Every structure is written in structure tokens, then in C-alpha cells.
Amino acid sequence: MLLAVDTSTQTMGLALYNGTQVLAESVWLTHSHHTVELAPAIDELFQRAAIKPGQLEAVACALGPGSFTSLRIGLAVVKGLALSLHIPVIGIPTLTYLAAAQPLMQMPMLAVLPAGRGRMAVSRYTVQDGAWRSEGELSIMTAEAISDSIHEPTYICGEMDAAERQQLSRKWKNAIVASPAQSLRRPSFLAELAWKRWQEGDVDEPVSLAPIYVHVAEAIPD
């Protein structure tokens, strides 16, 4: 049994996965209440799935990029579970699991997350060997800059507000913006990726596991 936790942004998510079935999943919009909402939400997820914490065999966490404070809260809870239950922990970049949930296409894809101050964290992906693979470094850009950088048909998915969607959709010939439902981060995909790594023996050290930031001096603010 694996618990997946994503507190990267104001959109939080949890999933329980046993390798063959998603037993429970929860996604909701918080209002900077990560600290008070996360633990009760995990308890509620366990109750709905009739699972006890002692039945967990592994735990996974989305590593960001994302809000500095919210990522620390998620990591603290995940590390606490891993250390107290003596189970492995697996960290997965947030944009990696968002990309894994998208349909395969011949065109490139930009996966985005809020980066504060009107900016977005952006990672470019293309399909290679039947899966989305990242290309280049993670970037911090405004929606306008992203729009200006697109010169070929490009699929864009991820957490965007109304203004950002409108800005990107103006370039309708080349910018194909995913629907809000398709852009929603599903923690069950985080669970699947983490499960695969766990089964391959590729796990992380709880003490050294850390959030992903573009630069230390440019850590994404709350």
C-alpha cells in the first residue's frame, strides 16, 4: 500500500494505491491552510478506504516546484510517516507526474505551475519511447513570455488562472491549452510513478529528500 501526497501549490492531493487499484483519491483547493488540512485529510482518506496507517508500505511526495511553505509541509508529513513506520519514501517532481497524465501527442508539450509574482514554472516535454520526456531546464516565465516563445503547435497543461489561460489562448494557431479537468494534477499518477520506482528498488533517503527550486535565491514564494 502506497500513500501519495502533493502539496506543491494551493491545489492539494492525496491517493492510496496498491499496485493494481487506486483505492482512494482526493484533490481540493486550499487557501494556504496546508498545515491544518493535510493530516485530517489523510485520516479521512484512510477511513474511506478502510486502511490503517500501519498497513502502509511506502509513501510518495511531489517535490515541486511549488510554494516554499506548502512543499515543506508535505515533505515533513511524508518524512514523518516514512521514519515512524520504517517504510521507504519516493520523491517525484510535480511536473513529471503532471506530464505523465497527459495524452501522447506528436507536438511538444509545456507543463506549467504557478511560480508567484505573476510567473509560471515551465518545463518542456516531447514524446520519446512512448512516454513524455523532459527537455532542457526548468524555466520561470510569465504567460506573455510563454506565448511569445511558441512558434509551432504546442500543447500546454497545468495549473493556470483565468488571465493566464486567456493570454495563452490568444495564440490559438499554435497554443493548444488543455482543459481545466485535463490540467488537474491527479495524485494517483504520482502514486503510479512512485510505485514503479519502489518496485525497482529506487527509493530516496528521508533525511536528504528536498524540494525542487529553480535557484535557491529564486525559491518560489507563497
Protein backbone atom coordinates (compact mmCIF):
# COMPACT_ATOMS: atom_id res chain seq x y z
CA MET A 1 0.00 0.00 0.00
CA LEU A 2 1.40 3.39 -1.02
CA LEU A 3 0.24 6.86 0.00
CA ALA A 4 0.95 9.73 -2.43
CA VAL A 5 0.95 13.33 -1.17
CA ASP A 6 1.04 16.53 -3.25
CA THR A 7 1.12 19.93 -1.51
CA SER A 8 3.03 21.77 -4.25
CA THR A 9 0.51 24.61 -4.68
CA GLN A 10 -2.91 25.70 -3.44
CA THR A 11 -4.21 22.56 -5.14
CA MET A 12 -3.58 19.66 -2.76
CA GLY A 13 -3.96 15.96 -3.50
CA LEU A 14 -3.75 12.51 -1.91
CA ALA A 15 -4.03 8.98 -3.26
CA LEU A 16 -3.88 5.43 -1.90
CA TYR A 17 -2.60 2.84 -4.36
CA ASN A 18 -1.87 -0.89 -4.08
CA GLY A 19 -0.26 -1.57 -7.44
CA THR A 20 -3.42 -2.74 -9.17
CA GLN A 21 -6.05 -0.28 -7.97
CA VAL A 22 -6.45 3.30 -6.81
CA LEU A 23 -8.28 2.72 -3.53
CA ALA A 24 -8.96 6.38 -2.78
CA GLU A 25 -8.08 9.77 -4.20
CA SER A 26 -8.74 13.30 -3.03
CA VAL A 27 -8.00 16.65 -4.71
CA TRP A 28 -9.08 20.02 -3.33
CA LEU A 29 -8.28 23.73 -3.40
CA THR A 30 -6.94 25.05 -0.13
CA HIS A 31 -6.45 28.67 0.90
CA SER A 32 -2.98 28.44 2.43
CA HIS A 33 -4.34 26.03 5.06
CA HIS A 34 -1.95 23.19 4.22
CA THR A 35 -0.84 22.80 7.83
CA VAL A 36 -4.32 22.36 9.31
CA GLU A 37 -5.87 20.44 6.41
CA LEU A 38 -3.27 17.84 5.43
CA ALA A 39 -3.26 15.47 8.43
CA PRO A 40 -7.09 15.35 8.77
CA ALA A 41 -7.37 14.76 5.03
CA ILE A 42 -5.01 11.80 5.26
CA ASP A 43 -7.01 10.37 8.16
CA GLU A 44 -10.24 10.77 6.17
CA LEU A 45 -8.67 9.07 3.14
CA PHE A 46 -7.64 6.11 5.31
CA GLN A 47 -11.14 5.84 6.75
CA ARG A 48 -12.82 5.91 3.34
CA ALA A 49 -10.52 3.16 2.08
CA ALA A 50 -10.76 1.20 5.36
CA ILE A 51 -6.97 1.38 5.68
CA LYS A 52 -4.92 1.80 8.85
CA PRO A 53 -1.62 3.74 8.82
CA GLY A 54 0.22 0.58 9.83
CA GLN A 55 -0.77 -1.01 6.53
CA LEU A 56 1.27 1.49 4.55
CA GLU A 57 4.33 0.00 2.87
CA ALA A 58 5.64 3.12 1.12
CA VAL A 59 4.93 6.83 0.85
CA ALA A 60 5.47 9.27 -2.04
CA CYS A 61 5.68 13.04 -2.23
CA ALA A 62 5.52 15.60 -5.03
CA LEU A 63 8.77 17.58 -4.85
CA GLY A 64 7.73 20.74 -6.68
CA PRO A 65 8.38 23.29 -7.91
CA GLY A 66 5.76 24.98 -5.81
CA SER A 67 5.13 27.11 -2.76
CA PHE A 68 8.11 27.09 -0.40
CA THR A 69 5.98 26.65 2.71
CA SER A 70 3.48 24.17 1.30
CA LEU A 71 6.20 21.90 -0.07
CA ARG A 72 7.93 21.84 3.32
CA ILE A 73 4.65 20.87 4.99
CA GLY A 74 4.08 17.97 2.62
CA LEU A 75 7.65 16.75 2.91
CA ALA A 76 7.55 16.95 6.71
CA VAL A 77 4.44 14.77 6.88
CA VAL A 78 5.81 12.25 4.36
CA LYS A 79 9.18 12.04 6.09
CA GLY A 80 7.47 11.62 9.45
CA LEU A 81 5.42 8.69 8.14
CA ALA A 82 8.44 7.08 6.50
CA LEU A 83 10.60 7.34 9.60
CA SER A 84 7.93 6.36 12.12
CA LEU A 85 6.65 3.38 10.10
CA HIS A 86 10.10 2.39 8.80
CA ILE A 87 8.91 2.43 5.19
CA PRO A 88 10.57 3.76 2.01
CA VAL A 89 9.89 7.22 0.61
CA ILE A 90 9.91 8.24 -3.06
CA GLY A 91 10.04 11.82 -4.30
CA ILE A 92 8.68 12.69 -7.75
CA PRO A 93 8.94 16.14 -9.42
CA THR A 94 5.46 17.64 -9.65
CA LEU A 95 5.66 18.47 -13.35
CA THR A 96 6.89 14.94 -14.12
CA TYR A 97 3.72 13.35 -12.82
CA LEU A 98 1.54 16.05 -14.37
CA ALA A 99 3.14 15.25 -17.74
CA ALA A 100 2.67 11.50 -17.25
CA ALA A 101 -1.11 12.01 -17.09
CA GLN A 102 -1.33 13.74 -20.48
CA PRO A 103 -2.27 12.02 -23.76
CA LEU A 104 0.66 11.30 -26.06
CA MET A 105 0.96 13.71 -28.98
CA GLN A 106 3.33 14.44 -31.84
CA MET A 107 3.60 18.09 -30.83
CA PRO A 108 5.74 19.30 -27.88
CA MET A 109 4.14 20.00 -24.50
CA LEU A 110 4.68 22.71 -21.90
CA ALA A 111 3.74 21.71 -18.34
CA VAL A 112 3.23 24.68 -16.01
CA LEU A 113 2.70 25.52 -12.34
CA PRO A 114 2.20 28.84 -10.51
CA ALA A 115 5.50 30.41 -9.51
CA GLY A 116 4.27 33.52 -7.72
CA ARG A 117 4.51 37.20 -8.70
CA GLY A 118 2.64 36.60 -11.95
CA ARG A 119 5.12 33.98 -13.13
CA MET A 120 4.90 30.31 -14.02
CA ALA A 121 7.31 27.39 -13.66
CA VAL A 122 7.58 25.81 -17.12
CA SER A 123 9.08 22.55 -18.34
CA ARG A 124 9.11 21.39 -21.98
CA TYR A 125 8.35 17.77 -22.89
CA THR A 126 8.35 15.67 -26.05
CA VAL A 127 7.27 12.07 -26.59
CA GLN A 128 10.20 9.66 -26.68
CA ASP A 129 9.95 5.87 -26.49
CA GLY A 130 6.22 6.03 -25.83
CA ALA A 131 6.33 8.50 -22.91
CA TRP A 132 6.70 12.21 -22.21
CA ARG A 133 10.34 13.12 -21.53
CA SER A 134 11.56 16.49 -20.31
CA GLU A 135 13.85 18.60 -22.46
CA GLY A 136 16.10 21.31 -21.10
CA GLU A 137 15.98 23.09 -17.78
CA LEU A 138 13.00 24.24 -15.76
CA SER A 139 12.20 27.89 -16.52
CA ILE A 140 10.37 30.72 -14.78
CA MET A 141 8.30 32.79 -17.24
CA THR A 142 5.22 34.96 -17.45
CA ALA A 143 2.26 33.80 -19.52
CA GLU A 144 3.08 36.54 -22.02
CA ALA A 145 6.68 35.32 -22.35
CA ILE A 146 5.48 31.74 -22.80
CA SER A 147 3.11 32.86 -25.53
CA ASP A 148 5.88 34.81 -27.28
CA SER A 149 8.16 31.73 -27.18
CA ILE A 150 5.72 29.45 -29.00
CA HIS A 151 6.37 29.21 -32.74
CA GLU A 152 4.87 25.79 -33.53
CA PRO A 153 1.78 23.84 -32.40
CA THR A 154 2.35 23.26 -28.68
CA TYR A 155 0.17 21.62 -26.03
CA ILE A 156 0.05 23.46 -22.69
CA CYS A 157 -1.23 21.88 -19.47
CA GLY A 158 -1.11 22.64 -15.79
CA GLU A 159 -2.41 24.98 -13.12
CA MET A 160 -3.34 28.31 -14.73
CA ASP A 161 -5.64 31.11 -13.66
CA ALA A 162 -8.22 32.69 -15.98
CA ALA A 163 -5.93 35.52 -17.09
CA GLU A 164 -3.08 33.12 -17.92
CA ARG A 165 -5.42 30.87 -19.89
CA GLN A 166 -6.70 33.86 -21.81
CA GLN A 167 -3.19 35.11 -22.54
CA LEU A 168 -2.02 31.73 -23.83
CA SER A 169 -5.20 31.03 -25.79
CA ARG A 170 -4.74 34.19 -27.85
CA LYS A 171 -2.12 32.34 -29.84
CA TRP A 172 -4.80 29.92 -30.93
CA LYS A 173 -2.99 28.66 -34.04
CA ASN A 174 -0.07 27.27 -32.05
CA ALA A 175 -1.08 27.17 -28.35
CA ILE A 176 -3.42 24.28 -27.56
CA VAL A 177 -4.39 24.86 -23.93
CA ALA A 178 -5.60 21.79 -22.02
CA SER A 179 -8.99 21.99 -20.34
CA PRO A 180 -9.14 22.63 -16.58
CA ALA A 181 -10.09 18.99 -15.99
CA GLN A 182 -7.15 17.70 -18.06
CA SER A 183 -4.83 20.16 -16.32
CA LEU A 184 -5.79 19.00 -12.82
CA ARG A 185 -2.97 17.15 -11.09
CA ARG A 186 -4.18 13.65 -10.22
CA PRO A 187 -2.15 12.23 -7.30
CA SER A 188 -2.99 8.71 -8.49
CA PHE A 189 -0.45 9.30 -11.30
CA LEU A 190 2.08 10.38 -8.68
CA ALA A 191 1.33 7.11 -6.88
CA GLU A 192 1.81 5.03 -10.04
CA LEU A 193 5.19 6.58 -10.83
CA ALA A 194 6.34 6.19 -7.23
CA TRP A 195 5.12 2.57 -7.10
CA LYS A 196 7.15 1.74 -10.21
CA ARG A 197 10.30 3.23 -8.69
CA TRP A 198 9.69 1.46 -5.39
CA GLN A 199 9.30 -1.92 -7.11
CA GLU A 200 12.58 -1.27 -8.93
CA GLY A 201 14.30 -0.55 -5.61
CA ASP A 202 14.80 3.12 -6.48
CA VAL A 203 13.87 4.94 -3.27
CA ASP A 204 15.07 8.11 -1.55
CA GLU A 205 16.67 8.85 1.80
CA PRO A 206 14.09 10.61 4.01
CA VAL A 207 16.65 12.88 5.64
CA SER A 208 18.15 14.15 2.38
CA LEU A 209 14.94 14.41 0.34
CA ALA A 210 14.40 18.09 -0.51
CA PRO A 211 12.03 20.25 -2.58
CA ILE A 212 12.93 21.34 -6.11
CA TYR A 213 13.62 25.02 -6.65
CA VAL A 214 14.88 26.70 -9.80
CA HIS A 215 17.53 28.58 -7.80
CA VAL A 216 17.96 28.96 -4.07
CA ALA A 217 17.76 32.74 -4.50
CA GLU A 218 14.59 32.36 -6.56
CA ALA A 219 12.69 29.93 -4.36
CA ILE A 220 9.05 30.18 -5.32
CA PRO A 221 7.26 32.33 -2.73
CA ASP A 222 3.95 31.65 -1.05
